[in-house]
């Protein structure tokens, strides 16, 4: 990634709000076994929905109306909201989490308006028919039947790099679990905790290794 593109990325709102907020929560919030079990299901659901959506999404070139897009127009944002809700429950940050969800909703509302205006200009009546039949963020019961359909693609999913979010969400959950076990409950590093720590380190190495391989490939191609 060039310096110009990196600076442009850093200028996005999430780097000034979401990441500092995440660091604050990392050091201030401590879950317990009950809150972890209550929140983990929302986190898993959010991750699976995002993985499902990225296996179907063909951005800009085609109007995606298959997979989860047959049930709601913005499954990626819906999955992210479930992730945020899951972490709010898991970390017991109800007031701060509610504020964060409201802020995230406002940001997504603005983003959705821009994206839908662009889709309307590109696909015209086809998109208007889709928009009329499929809710934005609340899944419908019966799928949208119109529009071009294509199968789920693992290659498309890998290209989206959604697996990186999957890996890091598992790492984050493990980190908070270990924080609760080792700091709050003063337990020792038993076999289970060592195993979880090993999984977290493995996933970090997988992500870093993948980035290193891609960097070498881009460098060789240049």
Foldseek 3Di string as FASTA:
>chain_A
DDPVVVVVVCPDPCVVPVVVVVVVLLPPFAFDPVLLVVLVVLLVVLLVLLLQCLLQDDPPPFQGQDGQNQFAPCSNLLSVLSNLVSVCSRRVVVVVSVVVSVVSVVVVVVVVVVRLVVVCVRVPPVSVVSPVVHHHRDTDDDTHDDDDDDDGHVVSSVVVVSVLVVLVVLLSSLSSVCCCQCPVVVHDCDPVNVVSVVSNVVSVCVVVVVVVVVVVVVVVVD
